[in-house]
Amino acid sequence: MGKLKMGKPSMSARDSPRPSSRRRAALRVVCWNALFLAVPGGVVGYEVWLRAVSPFVSRSWPVEFVPGVGRHPVPNAEVRWTNLREFWTVSRTNSLGFLDREPPSPERAAASCHVAFVGDSFVEAAEVGIADKLQVRLEESATERLPQLDVTVSAWGRRQTGQIAQLPFYDKWVRRLRPKLVVLVFVPNDFRDNSGSAVEGWGWDFDRPPRPTAVKEDGGRIAVRLPHPNAAAFRAGTSLQWLKRHLRAACRVRPLCTDVFLGPVDHFRFRRRGVSDRLISQQWQEPEDFTLLGLDQWKQRTSSDGVALVVLAIHSMGTRGNPRFDGLAGFAEARNIPVIDQADWILRQGGALEDAEYEYDLHWTPQGHQWAAEAVLEWLKRNQSVCGE
């Protein structure tokens, strides 16, 4: 028997790459290369398109640290604000860092019936031009309809603040104007923002808050923690917190925005107990205590200065019969602080509450600011004695 010759096995036709396989492999390479080229190109194209149809696509708001106040807008700085759908506003802060006109001189304010609005982003109102804001609308309407009162108006608003964090506004700036009336603009998330836990909810370090923050110490005593000058350096940076912050800034779907911005406030349920109001759920006892502290502090300051104090409950607080409104009204009225009901005013004018806010943003439209000004003007007309008349 002859020996078998060992050699390289020959490649059969079945083992050789088929033309269709080679084509698929080449197609995959082409597709991946095209994808790698298309994605950056698409992003650039989208950016170019946004810039073509939008005045600007990014927000700009320079801030600095002010002792006792916390992170605060830089004075005389340009502010750009947009939700990329309904508004693109460019404004300038005044010499004190607020998005308002220059306040009157202390002499002019004291000689007039000066009204000071204090609040959060609804008073800051970056969504509208200064001419459309609550304080300007009120001053113009009062000049026309109540000229004998000589009303002048200023506004002191900063986003993500509740009544406790707003106290330094009065101590540092508002008090020197000797206002006749201070209007606290109350929004649903003030219940949360008066709680120290809101600091962590916005991604800040609890021990280094960006603004005055109320905390409950051992034994139940509530203390106010001063803002930390390096708060931004310690801001939480986990992936989840990063995502939460950017959802708040960029969400465009109304139900999502409502959940993100209002958070637990929609779960609040109030009941009335004479002069002592309590949340039905003890889970929210701490936020309630903080809000009561904030109202008490404002009442003490204004009473000692002989200044009238009222609360303007914005439209989303609802009206009588709404547990959120009734809870606030119980807190305020137990302290002899009148409550102006914006929702009630709008409904009495035949308006729709949804017209007071943007479709893709919870803040006031120019119409919302106008309705707020009219509600306050109606109260002022009935209570002219606060101006010394």
Protein backbone atom coordinates (compact mmCIF):
# COMPACT_ATOMS: atom_id res chain seq x y z
CA MET A 1 0.00 0.00 0.00
CA GLY A 2 1.50 3.34 -0.96
CA LYS A 3 2.08 6.06 1.58
CA LEU A 4 -0.42 8.86 1.82
CA LYS A 5 0.99 12.24 1.03
CA MET A 6 0.33 14.76 3.81
CA GLY A 7 -0.05 18.28 2.66
CA LYS A 8 -2.14 21.41 3.04
CA PRO A 9 -5.79 20.65 2.78
CA SER A 10 -7.28 22.16 -0.28
CA MET A 11 -10.03 24.77 0.16
CA SER A 12 -13.32 23.64 -1.15
CA ALA A 13 -15.70 25.95 -2.87
CA ARG A 14 -18.01 25.65 0.10
CA ASP A 15 -15.28 26.88 2.54
CA SER A 16 -14.33 29.95 0.53
CA PRO A 17 -16.01 33.29 1.44
CA ARG A 18 -19.09 33.81 -0.58
CA PRO A 19 -19.47 37.08 -2.48
CA SER A 20 -22.65 37.88 -0.49
CA SER A 21 -20.74 37.57 2.82
CA ARG A 22 -18.03 39.86 1.57
CA ARG A 23 -20.64 42.37 0.47
CA ARG A 24 -22.38 42.28 3.86
CA ALA A 25 -19.10 42.82 5.68
CA ALA A 26 -18.22 45.71 3.42
CA LEU A 27 -21.70 47.15 3.88
CA ARG A 28 -21.37 46.98 7.66
CA VAL A 29 -18.09 48.88 7.51
CA VAL A 30 -19.63 51.50 5.26
CA CYS A 31 -22.71 51.85 7.51
CA TRP A 32 -20.66 52.22 10.70
CA ASN A 33 -18.43 54.79 9.06
CA ALA A 34 -21.47 56.65 7.81
CA LEU A 35 -23.01 56.57 11.29
CA PHE A 36 -19.84 57.89 12.90
CA LEU A 37 -19.82 60.72 10.39
CA ALA A 38 -23.57 61.38 10.51
CA VAL A 39 -24.01 61.70 14.28
CA PRO A 40 -21.58 64.62 14.75
CA GLY A 41 -22.88 66.12 11.54
CA GLY A 42 -26.44 65.77 12.75
CA VAL A 43 -25.64 67.38 16.07
CA VAL A 44 -23.91 70.26 14.30
CA GLY A 45 -26.81 70.53 11.88
CA TYR A 46 -29.34 70.58 14.73
CA GLU A 47 -27.33 73.30 16.48
CA VAL A 48 -27.19 75.32 13.25
CA TRP A 49 -30.95 74.88 12.78
CA LEU A 50 -31.66 75.94 16.38
CA ARG A 51 -29.55 79.04 15.98
CA ALA A 52 -31.32 79.84 12.73
CA VAL A 53 -34.82 79.66 14.23
CA SER A 54 -33.99 80.86 17.77
CA PRO A 55 -32.47 84.14 18.93
CA PHE A 56 -30.21 82.07 21.22
CA VAL A 57 -30.09 78.50 22.50
CA SER A 58 -28.32 78.67 25.85
CA ARG A 59 -29.06 80.43 29.11
CA SER A 60 -26.67 82.87 30.70
CA TRP A 61 -26.93 84.12 34.27
CA PRO A 62 -23.72 85.20 36.05
CA VAL A 63 -23.83 84.93 39.84
CA GLU A 64 -21.62 85.89 42.77
CA PHE A 65 -21.61 85.33 46.52
CA VAL A 66 -23.17 88.01 48.72
CA PRO A 67 -22.53 87.55 52.47
CA GLY A 68 -25.74 86.70 54.32
CA VAL A 69 -27.68 86.39 51.05
CA GLY A 70 -25.82 83.61 49.26
CA ARG A 71 -25.47 83.02 45.54
CA HIS A 72 -26.91 86.11 43.90
CA PRO A 73 -27.01 87.54 40.36
CA VAL A 74 -24.16 89.84 39.42
CA PRO A 75 -25.29 93.50 39.32
CA ASN A 76 -25.64 95.21 35.94
CA ALA A 77 -25.19 91.92 34.07
CA GLU A 78 -26.95 90.58 31.00
CA VAL A 79 -29.31 87.65 31.58
CA ARG A 80 -30.49 85.37 28.77
CA TRP A 81 -33.38 83.03 29.52
CA THR A 82 -35.32 80.65 27.29
CA ASN A 83 -37.27 77.41 27.23
CA LEU A 84 -36.54 77.11 23.46
CA ARG A 85 -40.25 77.19 22.71
CA GLU A 86 -42.12 80.20 23.98
CA PHE A 87 -39.75 82.89 25.21
CA TRP A 88 -36.26 84.19 24.60
CA THR A 89 -35.70 87.11 26.95
CA VAL A 90 -32.62 89.26 27.32
CA SER A 91 -32.65 91.46 30.42
CA ARG A 92 -30.20 93.24 32.66
CA THR A 93 -29.98 93.05 36.41
CA ASN A 94 -30.09 96.35 38.27
CA SER A 95 -27.31 97.68 40.49
CA LEU A 96 -28.43 95.33 43.30
CA GLY A 97 -28.53 92.21 41.14
CA PHE A 98 -32.32 91.90 40.73
CA LEU A 99 -34.17 91.63 37.42
CA ASP A 100 -36.04 94.88 37.90
CA ARG A 101 -35.69 98.56 37.26
CA GLU A 102 -33.51 100.56 39.58
CA PRO A 103 -35.42 100.95 42.86
CA PRO A 104 -36.39 104.48 43.84
CA SER A 105 -34.16 106.38 46.18
CA PRO A 106 -34.92 105.88 49.89
CA GLU A 107 -36.22 109.45 50.01
CA ARG A 108 -38.57 108.96 47.05
CA ALA A 109 -39.77 105.58 48.33
CA ALA A 110 -40.46 106.92 51.83
CA ALA A 111 -42.38 109.90 50.43
CA SER A 112 -44.61 107.64 48.32
CA CYS A 113 -46.79 104.62 48.99
CA HIS A 114 -44.05 102.16 48.25
CA VAL A 115 -44.98 98.54 47.61
CA ALA A 116 -42.26 95.86 47.66
CA PHE A 117 -42.88 92.46 46.11
CA VAL A 118 -40.73 89.64 47.49
CA GLY A 119 -40.65 86.11 46.12
CA ASP A 120 -38.92 83.47 44.08
CA SER A 121 -38.72 82.94 40.31
CA PHE A 122 -42.26 84.31 39.82
CA VAL A 123 -41.06 87.70 41.06
CA GLU A 124 -37.68 87.35 39.40
CA ALA A 125 -39.67 86.65 36.21
CA ALA A 126 -36.85 85.99 33.77
CA GLU A 127 -39.45 84.70 31.30
CA VAL A 128 -40.80 88.17 30.43
CA GLY A 129 -39.36 91.58 29.75
CA ILE A 130 -39.22 94.06 32.59
CA ALA A 131 -42.03 96.15 31.09
CA ASP A 132 -44.40 93.17 31.40
CA LYS A 133 -43.64 92.36 35.03
CA LEU A 134 -46.00 92.51 37.98
CA GLN A 135 -44.38 95.51 39.65
CA VAL A 136 -44.39 97.66 36.50
CA ARG A 137 -47.98 96.75 35.67
CA LEU A 138 -49.10 97.61 39.21
CA GLU A 139 -47.30 100.94 39.28
CA GLU A 140 -48.78 101.95 35.92
CA SER A 141 -52.31 100.86 36.88
CA ALA A 142 -52.13 102.57 40.30
CA THR A 143 -50.88 105.80 38.72
CA GLU A 144 -53.91 105.76 36.42
CA ARG A 145 -56.60 104.55 38.82
CA LEU A 146 -55.34 105.56 42.28
CA PRO A 147 -53.21 108.64 41.58
CA GLN A 148 -53.85 110.07 45.05
CA LEU A 149 -51.84 107.23 46.62
CA ASP A 150 -48.63 107.99 44.68
CA VAL A 151 -47.72 104.31 44.43
CA THR A 152 -44.16 103.25 43.65
CA VAL A 153 -43.21 99.60 43.33
CA SER A 154 -40.09 97.45 43.48
CA ALA A 155 -39.52 93.70 43.15
CA TRP A 156 -37.08 91.45 44.96
CA GLY A 157 -37.11 87.94 43.55
CA ARG A 158 -34.64 85.09 43.35
CA ARG A 159 -35.37 81.58 42.10
CA GLN A 160 -35.24 78.54 44.37
CA THR A 161 -35.93 80.58 47.49
CA GLY A 162 -38.72 80.38 50.06
CA GLN A 163 -39.73 82.95 52.65
CA ILE A 164 -36.81 82.03 54.94
CA ALA A 165 -34.16 82.52 52.25
CA GLN A 166 -35.89 85.78 51.23
CA LEU A 167 -35.54 87.38 54.67
CA PRO A 168 -32.09 88.83 53.82
CA PHE A 169 -33.67 90.72 50.93
CA TYR A 170 -35.67 92.70 53.47
CA ASP A 171 -32.83 93.09 55.95
CA LYS A 172 -30.25 94.21 53.39
CA TRP A 173 -32.25 96.17 50.80
CA VAL A 174 -36.02 96.51 51.24
CA ARG A 175 -36.08 97.92 54.76
CA ARG A 176 -34.09 101.03 53.84
CA LEU A 177 -36.84 102.01 51.37
CA ARG A 178 -39.35 102.17 54.26
CA PRO A 179 -42.17 100.55 52.23
CA LYS A 180 -45.77 100.97 53.23
CA LEU A 181 -46.64 97.47 52.03
CA VAL A 182 -44.69 94.23 51.53
CA VAL A 183 -46.30 91.55 49.36
CA LEU A 184 -44.96 88.01 49.78
CA VAL A 185 -45.64 86.16 46.54
CA PHE A 186 -46.34 82.58 47.65
CA VAL A 187 -46.01 79.64 45.24
CA PRO A 188 -46.65 75.91 45.82
CA ASN A 189 -42.99 74.94 46.05
CA ASP A 190 -42.41 77.45 48.86
CA PHE A 191 -43.57 74.76 51.28
CA ARG A 192 -40.66 72.64 50.12
CA ASP A 193 -38.15 75.46 49.64
CA ASN A 194 -38.60 76.58 53.24
CA SER A 195 -37.36 73.16 54.30
CA GLY A 196 -33.64 72.51 54.59
CA SER A 197 -34.14 69.26 52.68
CA ALA A 198 -34.79 71.33 49.54
CA VAL A 199 -31.09 72.19 49.45
CA GLU A 200 -30.20 68.54 48.91
CA GLY A 201 -33.10 68.15 46.49
CA TRP A 202 -31.52 70.77 44.23
CA GLY A 203 -28.16 69.00 44.41
CA TRP A 204 -26.42 71.24 46.98
CA ASP A 205 -24.38 70.12 49.96
CA PHE A 206 -26.61 70.27 53.06
CA ASP A 207 -23.72 71.56 55.21
CA ARG A 208 -22.72 74.24 52.69
CA PRO A 209 -26.01 75.77 51.50
CA PRO A 210 -26.08 78.33 48.68
CA ARG A 211 -28.57 80.50 50.56
CA PRO A 212 -29.94 80.81 54.13
CA THR A 213 -31.40 77.43 55.03
CA ALA A 214 -33.57 76.34 57.95
CA VAL A 215 -32.59 73.10 59.66
CA LYS A 216 -34.06 71.19 62.56
CA GLU A 217 -31.49 70.55 65.26
CA ASP A 218 -31.48 67.88 67.93
CA GLY A 219 -34.33 68.56 70.30
CA GLY A 220 -36.57 69.92 67.54
CA ARG A 221 -35.31 73.50 67.54
CA ILE A 222 -35.22 75.12 64.09
CA ALA A 223 -32.13 77.15 63.28
CA VAL A 224 -31.16 79.09 60.18
CA ARG A 225 -27.85 78.06 58.62
CA LEU A 226 -25.99 80.85 56.80
CA PRO A 227 -25.00 80.45 53.15
CA HIS A 228 -21.55 79.09 52.41
CA PRO A 229 -19.25 81.13 50.10
CA ASN A 230 -17.97 77.99 48.37
CA ALA A 231 -21.30 76.21 48.03
CA ALA A 232 -20.89 75.68 44.28
CA ALA A 233 -17.59 73.83 44.73
CA PHE A 234 -19.35 71.22 46.86
CA ARG A 235 -22.46 70.81 44.75
CA ALA A 236 -23.36 67.16 44.42
CA GLY A 237 -22.22 65.62 41.18
CA THR A 238 -23.54 62.06 41.03
CA SER A 239 -25.06 60.91 37.77
CA LEU A 240 -28.57 60.85 39.23
CA GLN A 241 -28.26 64.35 40.67
CA TRP A 242 -26.79 65.61 37.39
CA LEU A 243 -29.76 64.10 35.55
CA LYS A 244 -32.28 65.62 37.98
CA ARG A 245 -30.73 69.08 37.62
CA HIS A 246 -30.77 68.89 33.85
CA LEU A 247 -34.32 67.57 33.75
CA ARG A 248 -35.40 70.60 35.76
CA ALA A 249 -33.59 72.90 33.38
CA ALA A 250 -34.50 71.23 30.10
CA CYS A 251 -37.80 69.38 30.48
CA ARG A 252 -40.25 70.30 27.79
CA VAL A 253 -43.26 68.06 28.56
CA ARG A 254 -45.78 69.66 30.84
CA PRO A 255 -46.60 66.71 33.19
CA LEU A 256 -42.91 66.02 33.66
CA CYS A 257 -42.22 69.68 34.38
CA THR A 258 -45.01 69.72 36.94
CA ASP A 259 -43.64 66.68 38.75
CA VAL A 260 -40.06 67.94 38.69
CA PHE A 261 -40.73 71.52 39.72
CA LEU A 262 -43.47 70.98 42.28
CA GLY A 263 -42.17 67.68 43.59
CA PRO A 264 -43.88 66.62 46.83
CA VAL A 265 -46.03 69.74 47.05
CA ASP A 266 -48.83 68.08 45.11
CA HIS A 267 -49.00 65.41 47.81
CA PHE A 268 -49.67 67.96 50.55
CA ARG A 269 -53.08 67.69 52.16
CA PHE A 270 -54.14 70.32 54.64
CA ARG A 271 -56.92 70.63 57.15
CA ARG A 272 -58.06 73.51 59.28
CA ARG A 273 -57.88 73.42 63.10
CA GLY A 274 -58.82 76.95 64.14
CA VAL A 275 -55.64 78.96 64.53
CA SER A 276 -53.42 75.86 64.36
CA ASP A 277 -53.13 74.25 60.93
CA ARG A 278 -51.54 70.84 60.55
CA LEU A 279 -50.74 68.69 57.57
CA ILE A 280 -52.82 65.53 57.47
CA SER A 281 -49.69 63.49 56.81
CA GLN A 282 -47.10 63.76 59.57
CA GLN A 283 -44.55 63.06 56.85
CA TRP A 284 -44.71 66.78 56.01
CA GLN A 285 -44.53 68.12 59.56
CA GLU A 286 -41.02 69.50 59.02
CA PRO A 287 -41.85 71.59 55.91
CA GLU A 288 -44.91 72.94 57.71
CA ASP A 289 -42.82 74.08 60.67
CA PHE A 290 -40.35 75.82 58.40
CA THR A 291 -43.07 77.70 56.52
CA LEU A 292 -44.62 78.82 59.80
CA LEU A 293 -41.20 80.04 60.92
CA GLY A 294 -40.80 82.00 57.69
CA LEU A 295 -44.17 83.71 58.08
CA ASP A 296 -43.46 84.47 61.73
CA GLN A 297 -40.13 86.08 60.87
CA TRP A 298 -41.67 88.24 58.16
CA LYS A 299 -44.50 89.29 60.46
CA GLN A 300 -42.08 90.26 63.24
CA ARG A 301 -39.92 92.36 60.95
CA THR A 302 -42.70 94.23 59.20
CA SER A 303 -44.71 94.80 62.39
CA SER A 304 -41.71 96.27 64.18
CA ASP A 305 -41.15 98.61 61.22
CA GLY A 306 -44.81 99.61 60.93
CA VAL A 307 -45.11 98.01 57.47
CA ALA A 308 -48.26 96.26 56.25
CA LEU A 309 -47.74 92.65 55.14
CA VAL A 310 -49.90 90.60 52.78
CA VAL A 311 -49.49 87.31 50.92
CA LEU A 312 -50.30 86.96 47.24
CA ALA A 313 -51.18 83.32 46.54
CA ILE A 314 -50.46 82.68 42.87
CA HIS A 315 -53.00 81.05 40.58
CA SER A 316 -51.57 77.52 40.96
CA MET A 317 -52.24 77.66 44.71
CA GLY A 318 -55.91 77.36 43.82
CA THR A 319 -58.66 79.19 45.67
CA ARG A 320 -60.93 78.60 48.68
CA GLY A 321 -61.72 74.92 48.94
CA ASN A 322 -58.37 73.86 47.53
CA PRO A 323 -56.40 72.18 50.37
CA ARG A 324 -53.20 73.86 49.27
CA PHE A 325 -54.73 77.34 49.37
CA ASP A 326 -56.67 76.65 52.57
CA GLY A 327 -53.50 75.47 54.30
CA LEU A 328 -51.62 78.64 53.40
CA ALA A 329 -54.60 80.84 54.27
CA GLY A 330 -54.86 79.18 57.68
CA PHE A 331 -51.17 79.78 58.38
CA ALA A 332 -51.30 83.41 57.27
CA GLU A 333 -54.62 84.49 58.71
CA ALA A 334 -53.72 83.05 62.12
CA ARG A 335 -50.93 85.64 62.07
CA ASN A 336 -53.18 88.48 60.83
CA ILE A 337 -51.61 88.38 57.37
CA PRO A 338 -54.24 88.93 54.67
CA VAL A 339 -54.14 86.65 51.62
CA ILE A 340 -54.78 87.93 48.08
CA ASP A 341 -56.21 85.17 45.90
CA GLN A 342 -55.00 85.49 42.31
CA ALA A 343 -56.98 82.46 41.12
CA ASP A 344 -60.21 83.94 42.48
CA TRP A 345 -59.48 87.24 40.71
CA ILE A 346 -58.87 85.51 37.38
CA LEU A 347 -62.04 83.45 37.62
CA ARG A 348 -64.11 86.52 38.55
CA GLN A 349 -62.86 88.22 35.40
CA GLY A 350 -64.01 85.26 33.31
CA GLY A 351 -60.40 84.24 32.65
CA ALA A 352 -58.86 80.77 32.47
CA LEU A 353 -56.16 79.87 34.99
CA GLU A 354 -54.08 78.14 32.32
CA ASP A 355 -53.75 81.44 30.46
CA ALA A 356 -51.73 82.80 33.38
CA GLU A 357 -48.80 80.48 32.63
CA TYR A 358 -46.85 79.28 29.62
CA GLU A 359 -47.82 75.99 28.04
CA TYR A 360 -44.35 74.52 28.52
CA ASP A 361 -43.36 76.46 31.62
CA LEU A 362 -45.06 76.99 34.98
CA HIS A 363 -44.25 80.69 35.23
CA TRP A 364 -46.46 83.68 34.50
CA THR A 365 -47.07 84.92 31.01
CA PRO A 366 -47.47 88.70 30.58
CA GLN A 367 -51.17 88.07 31.12
CA GLY A 368 -50.41 86.27 34.37
CA HIS A 369 -48.38 89.26 35.56
CA GLN A 370 -51.22 91.60 34.58
CA TRP A 371 -53.77 89.55 36.52
CA ALA A 372 -51.48 89.48 39.56
CA ALA A 373 -51.10 93.26 39.43
CA GLU A 374 -54.87 93.73 39.12
CA ALA A 375 -55.54 91.45 42.10
CA VAL A 376 -53.13 93.46 44.26
CA LEU A 377 -54.57 96.75 42.98
CA GLU A 378 -58.07 95.64 43.97
CA TRP A 379 -56.82 94.87 47.48
CA LEU A 380 -54.96 98.18 47.66
CA LYS A 381 -58.07 100.06 46.57
CA ARG A 382 -60.02 98.50 49.46
CA ASN A 383 -57.18 99.09 51.94
CA GLN A 384 -55.87 102.55 51.10
CA SER A 385 -55.14 103.14 54.75
CA VAL A 386 -51.86 101.20 54.39
CA CYS A 387 -50.62 104.19 52.40
CA GLY A 388 -51.57 106.58 55.17
CA GLU A 389 -54.72 107.72 53.43
